[in-house]
PDB file of N, CA and C in Angstrom:
ATOM      1  N   MET A   1       9.965 -20.005  -2.687  1.00  0.00           N
ATOM      2  CA  MET A   1       9.388 -20.031  -4.023  1.00  0.00           C
ATOM      3  C   MET A   1      10.132 -19.014  -4.894  1.00  0.00           C
ATOM      4  N   ASN A   2      10.206 -19.294  -6.155  1.00  0.00           N
ATOM      5  CA  ASN A   2      10.905 -18.433  -7.101  1.00  0.00           C
ATOM      6  C   ASN A   2      10.295 -17.021  -7.110  1.00  0.00           C
ATOM      7  N   ALA A   3      11.140 -16.012  -7.257  1.00  0.00           N
ATOM      8  CA  ALA A   3      10.669 -14.622  -7.240  1.00  0.00           C
ATOM      9  C   ALA A   3       9.709 -14.342  -8.400  1.00  0.00           C
ATOM     10  N   LEU A   4       9.962 -14.933  -9.561  1.00  0.00           N
ATOM     11  CA  LEU A   4       9.069 -14.716 -10.704  1.00  0.00           C
ATOM     12  C   LEU A   4       7.692 -15.323 -10.460  1.00  0.00           C
ATOM     13  N   VAL A   5       7.674 -16.490  -9.837  1.00  0.00           N
ATOM     14  CA  VAL A   5       6.385 -17.137  -9.539  1.00  0.00           C
ATOM     15  C   VAL A   5       5.618 -16.307  -8.516  1.00  0.00           C
ATOM     16  N   MET A   6       6.320 -15.806  -7.514  1.00  0.00           N
ATOM     17  CA  MET A   6       5.663 -14.974  -6.501  1.00  0.00           C
ATOM     18  C   MET A   6       5.129 -13.687  -7.130  1.00  0.00           C
ATOM     19  N   ALA A   7       5.904 -13.086  -8.034  1.00  0.00           N
ATOM     20  CA  ALA A   7       5.451 -11.871  -8.709  1.00  0.00           C
ATOM     21  C   ALA A   7       4.222 -12.159  -9.572  1.00  0.00           C
ATOM     22  N   PHE A   8       4.222 -13.321 -10.249  1.00  0.00           N
ATOM     23  CA  PHE A   8       3.060 -13.683 -11.070  1.00  0.00           C
ATOM     24  C   PHE A   8       1.828 -13.901 -10.199  1.00  0.00           C
ATOM     25  N   LEU A   9       1.989 -14.589  -9.077  1.00  0.00           N
ATOM     26  CA  LEU A   9       0.848 -14.820  -8.185  1.00  0.00           C
ATOM     27  C   LEU A   9       0.304 -13.501  -7.649  1.00  0.00           C
ATOM     28  N   HIS A  10       1.197 -12.560  -7.376  1.00  0.00           N
ATOM     29  CA  HIS A  10       0.761 -11.240  -6.932  1.00  0.00           C
ATOM     30  C   HIS A  10      -0.035 -10.547  -8.044  1.00  0.00           C
ATOM     31  N   GLN A  11       0.457 -10.622  -9.273  1.00  0.00           N
ATOM     32  CA  GLN A  11      -0.254 -10.024 -10.411  1.00  0.00           C
ATOM     33  C   GLN A  11      -1.599 -10.712 -10.629  1.00  0.00           C
ATOM     34  N   LEU A  12      -1.638 -12.035 -10.448  1.00  0.00           N
ATOM     35  CA  LEU A  12      -2.889 -12.784 -10.624  1.00  0.00           C
ATOM     36  C   LEU A  12      -3.923 -12.342  -9.593  1.00  0.00           C
ATOM     37  N   LEU A  13      -3.511 -12.217  -8.348  1.00  0.00           N
ATOM     38  CA  LEU A  13      -4.424 -11.767  -7.298  1.00  0.00           C
ATOM     39  C   LEU A  13      -4.912 -10.349  -7.602  1.00  0.00           C
ATOM     40  N   HIS A  14      -4.019  -9.501  -8.059  1.00  0.00           N
ATOM     41  CA  HIS A  14      -4.378  -8.132  -8.417  1.00  0.00           C
ATOM     42  C   HIS A  14      -5.375  -8.121  -9.577  1.00  0.00           C
ATOM     43  N   ALA A  15      -5.161  -8.970 -10.570  1.00  0.00           N
ATOM     44  CA  ALA A  15      -6.069  -9.038 -11.725  1.00  0.00           C
ATOM     45  C   ALA A  15      -7.448  -9.526 -11.299  1.00  0.00           C
ATOM     46  N   VAL A  16      -7.500 -10.525 -10.431  1.00  0.00           N
ATOM     47  CA  VAL A  16      -8.796 -11.036  -9.952  1.00  0.00           C
ATOM     48  C   VAL A  16      -9.530  -9.945  -9.183  1.00  0.00           C
ATOM     49  N   LYS A  17      -8.814  -9.218  -8.325  1.00  0.00           N
ATOM     50  CA  LYS A  17      -9.443  -8.125  -7.567  1.00  0.00           C
ATOM     51  C   LYS A  17      -9.992  -7.050  -8.508  1.00  0.00           C
ATOM     52  N   ASN A  18      -9.286  -6.771  -9.593  1.00  0.00           N
ATOM     53  CA  ASN A  18      -9.741  -5.755 -10.542  1.00  0.00           C
ATOM     54  C   ASN A  18     -10.917  -6.228 -11.390  1.00  0.00           C
ATOM     55  N   LEU A  19     -10.999  -7.526 -11.639  1.00  0.00           N
ATOM     56  CA  LEU A  19     -12.093  -8.059 -12.454  1.00  0.00           C
ATOM     57  C   LEU A  19     -13.385  -8.258 -11.652  1.00  0.00           C
ATOM     58  N   LEU A  20     -13.284  -8.410 -10.341  1.00  0.00           N
ATOM     59  CA  LEU A  20     -14.464  -8.700  -9.526  1.00  0.00           C
ATOM     60  C   LEU A  20     -15.570  -7.642  -9.646  1.00  0.00           C
ATOM     61  N   PRO A  21     -15.271  -6.348  -9.603  1.00  0.00           N
ATOM     62  CA  PRO A  21     -16.375  -5.381  -9.754  1.00  0.00           C
ATOM     63  C   PRO A  21     -17.071  -5.468 -11.109  1.00  0.00           C
ATOM     64  N   ILE A  22     -16.328  -5.729 -12.160  1.00  0.00           N
ATOM     65  CA  ILE A  22     -16.927  -5.855 -13.489  1.00  0.00           C
ATOM     66  C   ILE A  22     -17.847  -7.061 -13.536  1.00  0.00           C
ATOM     67  N   VAL A  23     -17.374  -8.174 -13.014  1.00  0.00           N
ATOM     68  CA  VAL A  23     -18.179  -9.395 -12.989  1.00  0.00           C
ATOM     69  C   VAL A  23     -19.422  -9.190 -12.130  1.00  0.00           C
ATOM     70  N   ALA A  24     -19.275  -8.508 -11.001  1.00  0.00           N
ATOM     71  CA  ALA A  24     -20.420  -8.269 -10.114  1.00  0.00           C
ATOM     72  C   ALA A  24     -21.492  -7.429 -10.805  1.00  0.00           C
ATOM     73  N   VAL A  25     -21.084  -6.394 -11.509  1.00  0.00           N
ATOM     74  CA  VAL A  25     -22.066  -5.538 -12.200  1.00  0.00           C
ATOM     75  C   VAL A  25     -22.794  -6.326 -13.282  1.00  0.00           C
ATOM     76  N   VAL A  26     -22.061  -7.082 -14.065  1.00  0.00           N
ATOM     77  CA  VAL A  26     -22.689  -7.874 -15.128  1.00  0.00           C
ATOM     78  C   VAL A  26     -23.618  -8.933 -14.536  1.00  0.00           C
ATOM     79  N   LEU A  27     -23.172  -9.579 -13.482  1.00  0.00           N
ATOM     80  CA  LEU A  27     -23.989 -10.620 -12.841  1.00  0.00           C
ATOM     81  C   LEU A  27     -25.254 -10.020 -12.241  1.00  0.00           C
ATOM     82  N   LEU A  28     -25.122  -8.893 -11.537  1.00  0.00           N
ATOM     83  CA  LEU A  28     -26.298  -8.245 -10.965  1.00  0.00           C
ATOM     84  C   LEU A  28     -27.265  -7.779 -12.054  1.00  0.00           C
ATOM     85  N   PHE A  29     -26.752  -7.242 -13.137  1.00  0.00           N
ATOM     86  CA  PHE A  29     -27.608  -6.832 -14.247  1.00  0.00           C
ATOM     87  C   PHE A  29     -28.374  -8.023 -14.804  1.00  0.00           C
ATOM     88  N   GLN A  30     -27.665  -9.140 -14.978  1.00  0.00           N
ATOM     89  CA  GLN A  30     -28.323 -10.314 -15.548  1.00  0.00           C
ATOM     90  C   GLN A  30     -29.363 -10.879 -14.589  1.00  0.00           C
ATOM     91  N   LEU A  31     -29.065 -10.868 -13.289  1.00  0.00           N
ATOM     92  CA  LEU A  31     -30.008 -11.427 -12.322  1.00  0.00           C
ATOM     93  C   LEU A  31     -31.185 -10.494 -12.042  1.00  0.00           C
ATOM     94  N   LEU A  32     -30.912  -9.201 -11.860  1.00  0.00           N
ATOM     95  CA  LEU A  32     -31.971  -8.281 -11.442  1.00  0.00           C
ATOM     96  C   LEU A  32     -32.754  -7.672 -12.600  1.00  0.00           C
ATOM     97  N   ILE A  33     -32.099  -7.344 -13.685  1.00  0.00           N
ATOM     98  CA  ILE A  33     -32.783  -6.685 -14.797  1.00  0.00           C
ATOM     99  C   ILE A  33     -33.329  -7.710 -15.787  1.00  0.00           C
ATOM    100  N   LEU A  34     -32.477  -8.608 -16.219  1.00  0.00           N
ATOM    101  CA  LEU A  34     -32.902  -9.614 -17.201  1.00  0.00           C
ATOM    102  C   LEU A  34     -33.599 -10.802 -16.558  1.00  0.00           C
ATOM    103  N   ARG A  35     -33.410 -10.969 -15.263  1.00  0.00           N
ATOM    104  CA  ARG A  35     -33.985 -12.084 -14.496  1.00  0.00           C
ATOM    105  C   ARG A  35     -33.622 -13.435 -15.101  1.00  0.00           C
ATOM    106  N   GLN A  36     -32.344 -13.573 -15.413  1.00  0.00           N
ATOM    107  CA  GLN A  36     -31.829 -14.828 -15.952  1.00  0.00           C
ATOM    108  C   GLN A  36     -30.625 -15.261 -15.129  1.00  0.00           C
ATOM    109  N   VAL A  37     -30.529 -16.559 -14.939  1.00  0.00           N
ATOM    110  CA  VAL A  37     -29.354 -17.124 -14.280  1.00  0.00           C
ATOM    111  C   VAL A  37     -28.325 -17.408 -15.375  1.00  0.00           C
ATOM    112  N   PRO A  38     -27.052 -17.045 -15.143  1.00  0.00           N
ATOM    113  CA  PRO A  38     -26.038 -17.319 -16.170  1.00  0.00           C
ATOM    114  C   PRO A  38     -25.983 -18.810 -16.510  1.00  0.00           C
ATOM    115  N   ALA A  39     -25.970 -19.092 -17.790  1.00  0.00           N
ATOM    116  CA  ALA A  39     -25.901 -20.475 -18.246  1.00  0.00           C
ATOM    117  C   ALA A  39     -24.469 -20.986 -18.111  1.00  0.00           C
ATOM    118  N   ASP A  40     -24.328 -22.240 -17.715  1.00  0.00           N
ATOM    119  CA  ASP A  40     -23.030 -22.915 -17.620  1.00  0.00           C
ATOM    120  C   ASP A  40     -22.035 -22.126 -16.763  1.00  0.00           C
ATOM    121  N   ALA A  41     -22.396 -21.943 -15.489  1.00  0.00           N
ATOM    122  CA  ALA A  41     -21.584 -21.157 -14.554  1.00  0.00           C
ATOM    123  C   ALA A  41     -20.155 -21.688 -14.397  1.00  0.00           C
ATOM    124  N   PRO A  42     -19.921 -23.012 -14.334  1.00  0.00           N
ATOM    125  CA  PRO A  42     -18.529 -23.478 -14.208  1.00  0.00           C
ATOM    126  C   PRO A  42     -17.655 -23.080 -15.390  1.00  0.00           C
ATOM    127  N   SER A  43     -18.200 -23.122 -16.585  1.00  0.00           N
ATOM    128  CA  SER A  43     -17.453 -22.705 -17.766  1.00  0.00           C
ATOM    129  C   SER A  43     -17.167 -21.208 -17.721  1.00  0.00           C
ATOM    130  N   LEU A  44     -18.127 -20.441 -17.275  1.00  0.00           N
ATOM    131  CA  LEU A  44     -17.960 -19.000 -17.138  1.00  0.00           C
ATOM    132  C   LEU A  44     -16.870 -18.675 -16.110  1.00  0.00           C
ATOM    133  N   ALA A  45     -16.881 -19.367 -14.992  1.00  0.00           N
ATOM    134  CA  ALA A  45     -15.861 -19.153 -13.956  1.00  0.00           C
ATOM    135  C   ALA A  45     -14.475 -19.532 -14.471  1.00  0.00           C
ATOM    136  N   GLY A  46     -14.397 -20.625 -15.212  1.00  0.00           N
ATOM    137  CA  GLY A  46     -13.116 -21.025 -15.797  1.00  0.00           C
ATOM    138  C   GLY A  46     -12.605 -19.998 -16.791  1.00  0.00           C
ATOM    139  N   GLY A  47     -13.502 -19.460 -17.590  1.00  0.00           N
ATOM    140  CA  GLY A  47     -13.119 -18.430 -18.543  1.00  0.00           C
ATOM    141  C   GLY A  47     -12.617 -17.173 -17.853  1.00  0.00           C
ATOM    142  N   LEU A  48     -13.253 -16.804 -16.752  1.00  0.00           N
ATOM    143  CA  LEU A  48     -12.810 -15.630 -16.002  1.00  0.00           C
ATOM    144  C   LEU A  48     -11.427 -15.849 -15.393  1.00  0.00           C
ATOM    145  N   LEU A  49     -11.157 -17.059 -14.937  1.00  0.00           N
ATOM    146  CA  LEU A  49      -9.821 -17.363 -14.411  1.00  0.00           C
ATOM    147  C   LEU A  49      -8.768 -17.297 -15.516  1.00  0.00           C
ATOM    148  N   ILE A  50      -9.130 -17.744 -16.702  1.00  0.00           N
ATOM    149  CA  ILE A  50      -8.200 -17.661 -17.830  1.00  0.00           C
ATOM    150  C   ILE A  50      -7.939 -16.200 -18.192  1.00  0.00           C
ATOM    151  N   VAL A  51      -8.982 -15.374 -18.167  1.00  0.00           N
ATOM    152  CA  VAL A  51      -8.811 -13.942 -18.431  1.00  0.00           C
ATOM    153  C   VAL A  51      -7.896 -13.321 -17.379  1.00  0.00           C
ATOM    154  N   ALA A  52      -8.110 -13.650 -16.108  1.00  0.00           N
ATOM    155  CA  ALA A  52      -7.271 -13.114 -15.034  1.00  0.00           C
ATOM    156  C   ALA A  52      -5.823 -13.550 -15.216  1.00  0.00           C
ATOM    157  N   ALA A  53      -5.606 -14.805 -15.585  1.00  0.00           N
ATOM    158  CA  ALA A  53      -4.244 -15.296 -15.812  1.00  0.00           C
ATOM    159  C   ALA A  53      -3.604 -14.573 -16.999  1.00  0.00           C
ATOM    160  N   GLY A  54      -4.377 -14.325 -18.036  1.00  0.00           N
ATOM    161  CA  GLY A  54      -3.850 -13.600 -19.192  1.00  0.00           C
ATOM    162  C   GLY A  54      -3.462 -12.172 -18.855  1.00  0.00           C
ATOM    163  N   VAL A  55      -4.299 -11.502 -18.082  1.00  0.00           N
ATOM    164  CA  VAL A  55      -3.982 -10.135 -17.657  1.00  0.00           C
ATOM    165  C   VAL A  55      -2.726 -10.135 -16.789  1.00  0.00           C
ATOM    166  N   ALA A  56      -2.635 -11.114 -15.880  1.00  0.00           N
ATOM    167  CA  ALA A  56      -1.467 -11.200 -15.001  1.00  0.00           C
ATOM    168  C   ALA A  56      -0.193 -11.462 -15.807  1.00  0.00           C
ATOM    169  N   LEU A  57      -0.263 -12.345 -16.787  1.00  0.00           N
ATOM    170  CA  LEU A  57       0.906 -12.609 -17.626  1.00  0.00           C
ATOM    171  C   LEU A  57       1.297 -11.376 -18.439  1.00  0.00           C
ATOM    172  N   PHE A  58       0.305 -10.674 -18.947  1.00  0.00           N
ATOM    173  CA  PHE A  58       0.573  -9.457 -19.714  1.00  0.00           C
ATOM    174  C   PHE A  58       1.278  -8.418 -18.844  1.00  0.00           C
ATOM    175  N   LEU A  59       0.757  -8.190 -17.642  1.00  0.00           N
ATOM    176  CA  LEU A  59       1.365  -7.199 -16.748  1.00  0.00           C
ATOM    177  C   LEU A  59       2.760  -7.624 -16.312  1.00  0.00           C
ATOM    178  N   GLN A  60       2.940  -8.914 -16.064  1.00  0.00           N
ATOM    179  CA  GLN A  60       4.266  -9.407 -15.684  1.00  0.00           C
ATOM    180  C   GLN A  60       5.250  -9.211 -16.839  1.00  0.00           C
ATOM    181  N   GLY A  61       4.811  -9.451 -18.050  1.00  0.00           N
ATOM    182  CA  GLY A  61       5.658  -9.237 -19.213  1.00  0.00           C
ATOM    183  C   GLY A  61       6.045  -7.777 -19.371  1.00  0.00           C
ATOM    184  N   LEU A  62       5.095  -6.881 -19.111  1.00  0.00           N
ATOM    185  CA  LEU A  62       5.410  -5.451 -19.168  1.00  0.00           C
ATOM    186  C   LEU A  62       6.469  -5.086 -18.131  1.00  0.00           C
ATOM    187  N   GLU A  63       6.305  -5.599 -16.925  1.00  0.00           N
ATOM    188  CA  GLU A  63       7.255  -5.272 -15.861  1.00  0.00           C
ATOM    189  C   GLU A  63       8.641  -5.835 -16.136  1.00  0.00           C
ATOM    190  N   LEU A  64       8.700  -6.986 -16.785  1.00  0.00           N
ATOM    191  CA  LEU A  64       9.997  -7.596 -17.059  1.00  0.00           C
ATOM    192  C   LEU A  64      10.653  -7.045 -18.316  1.00  0.00           C
ATOM    193  N   GLY A  65       9.877  -6.669 -19.313  1.00  0.00           N
ATOM    194  CA  GLY A  65      10.459  -6.325 -20.598  1.00  0.00           C
ATOM    195  C   GLY A  65      10.393  -4.872 -20.994  1.00  0.00           C
ATOM    196  N   ILE A  66       9.258  -4.238 -20.799  1.00  0.00           N
ATOM    197  CA  ILE A  66       9.057  -2.895 -21.318  1.00  0.00           C
ATOM    198  C   ILE A  66       9.403  -1.821 -20.282  1.00  0.00           C
ATOM    199  N   PHE A  67       8.967  -1.997 -19.047  1.00  0.00           N
ATOM    200  CA  PHE A  67       9.178  -0.969 -18.036  1.00  0.00           C
ATOM    201  C   PHE A  67      10.655  -0.675 -17.782  1.00  0.00           C
ATOM    202  N   PRO A  68      11.543  -1.681 -17.726  1.00  0.00           N
ATOM    203  CA  PRO A  68      12.962  -1.349 -17.528  1.00  0.00           C
ATOM    204  C   PRO A  68      13.535  -0.487 -18.667  1.00  0.00           C
ATOM    205  N   VAL A  69      13.101  -0.749 -19.884  1.00  0.00           N
ATOM    206  CA  VAL A  69      13.567   0.051 -21.013  1.00  0.00           C
ATOM    207  C   VAL A  69      13.068   1.489 -20.860  1.00  0.00           C
ATOM    208  N   GLY A  70      11.820   1.650 -20.486  1.00  0.00           N
ATOM    209  CA  GLY A  70      11.251   2.981 -20.291  1.00  0.00           C
ATOM    210  C   GLY A  70      11.942   3.742 -19.170  1.00  0.00           C
ATOM    211  N   LYS A  71      12.259   3.039 -18.075  1.00  0.00           N
ATOM    212  CA  LYS A  71      12.970   3.689 -16.970  1.00  0.00           C
ATOM    213  C   LYS A  71      14.352   4.139 -17.409  1.00  0.00           C
ATOM    214  N   GLY A  72      15.039   3.311 -18.178  1.00  0.00           N
ATOM    215  CA  GLY A  72      16.365   3.679 -18.674  1.00  0.00           C
ATOM    216  C   GLY A  72      16.312   4.887 -19.579  1.00  0.00           C
ATOM    217  N   LEU A  73      15.324   4.927 -20.468  1.00  0.00           N
ATOM    218  CA  LEU A  73      15.174   6.083 -21.357  1.00  0.00           C
ATOM    219  C   LEU A  73      14.832   7.345 -20.561  1.00  0.00           C
ATOM    220  N   ALA A  74      13.975   7.198 -19.555  1.00  0.00           N
ATOM    221  CA  ALA A  74      13.612   8.357 -18.738  1.00  0.00           C
ATOM    222  C   ALA A  74      14.826   8.883 -17.979  1.00  0.00           C
ATOM    223  N   ASN A  75      15.646   7.993 -17.439  1.00  0.00           N
ATOM    224  CA  ASN A  75      16.850   8.426 -16.723  1.00  0.00           C
ATOM    225  C   ASN A  75      17.823   9.131 -17.659  1.00  0.00           C
ATOM    226  N   GLN A  76      18.008   8.602 -18.859  1.00  0.00           N
ATOM    227  CA  GLN A  76      18.899   9.247 -19.825  1.00  0.00           C
ATOM    228  C   GLN A  76      18.370  10.621 -20.224  1.00  0.00           C
ATOM    229  N   PHE A  77      17.073  10.705 -20.420  1.00  0.00           N
ATOM    230  CA  PHE A  77      16.466  11.978 -20.803  1.00  0.00           C
ATOM    231  C   PHE A  77      16.602  13.005 -19.678  1.00  0.00           C
ATOM    232  N   ALA A  78      16.442  12.568 -18.431  1.00  0.00           N
ATOM    233  CA  ALA A  78      16.528  13.475 -17.286  1.00  0.00           C
ATOM    234  C   ALA A  78      17.950  13.981 -17.075  1.00  0.00           C
ATOM    235  N   ARG A  79      18.952  13.215 -17.458  1.00  0.00           N
ATOM    236  CA  ARG A  79      20.351  13.620 -17.264  1.00  0.00           C
ATOM    237  C   ARG A  79      20.850  14.554 -18.361  1.00  0.00           C
ATOM    238  N   ARG A  80      20.132  14.657 -19.443  1.00  0.00           N
ATOM    239  CA  ARG A  80      20.545  15.534 -20.547  1.00  0.00           C
ATOM    240  C   ARG A  80      20.468  16.984 -20.118  1.00  0.00           C
ATOM    241  N   PRO A  81      21.407  17.795 -20.561  1.00  0.00           N
ATOM    242  CA  PRO A  81      21.307  19.227 -20.246  1.00  0.00           C
ATOM    243  C   PRO A  81      20.149  19.847 -21.047  1.00  0.00           C
ATOM    244  N   ARG A  82      19.480  20.780 -20.422  1.00  0.00           N
ATOM    245  CA  ARG A  82      18.380  21.465 -21.098  1.00  0.00           C
ATOM    246  C   ARG A  82      18.930  22.472 -22.097  1.00  0.00           C
ATOM    247  N   ALA A  83      18.096  22.902 -23.009  1.00  0.00           N
ATOM    248  CA  ALA A  83      18.530  23.779 -24.104  1.00  0.00           C
ATOM    249  C   ALA A  83      19.083  25.100 -23.585  1.00  0.00           C
ATOM    250  N   GLY A  84      18.508  25.685 -22.522  1.00  0.00           N
ATOM    251  CA  GLY A  84      18.939  26.973 -22.020  1.00  0.00           C
ATOM    252  C   GLY A  84      20.086  26.893 -21.034  1.00  0.00           C
ATOM    253  N   ASP A  85      20.464  25.691 -20.583  1.00  0.00           N
ATOM    254  CA  ASP A  85      21.546  25.541 -19.591  1.00  0.00           C
ATOM    255  C   ASP A  85      22.904  25.631 -20.262  1.00  0.00           C
ATOM    256  N   GLN A  86      23.829  26.236 -19.593  1.00  0.00           N
ATOM    257  CA  GLN A  86      25.201  26.343 -20.112  1.00  0.00           C
ATOM    258  C   GLN A  86      26.148  25.680 -19.171  1.00  0.00           C
TER     259      GLN A  86
END
């Protein structure tokens, strides 16, 4: 499988793992405190998958576009002589 697809799937799995505690807290609050069952659960689950995919795409974009630029700038900055060095 393509390396980019594998990286995206890894980011997607990571995003789902990060969203699960938030969803669990909201779901438990709604069930235990409000005593309501979430309306239209399939639509809610689909929306959560779309959110996870969006987060994964965002993180993948950062890794492909922004992070390499930041690493290059950090390396250039680290190689510069300091003000007190001769």
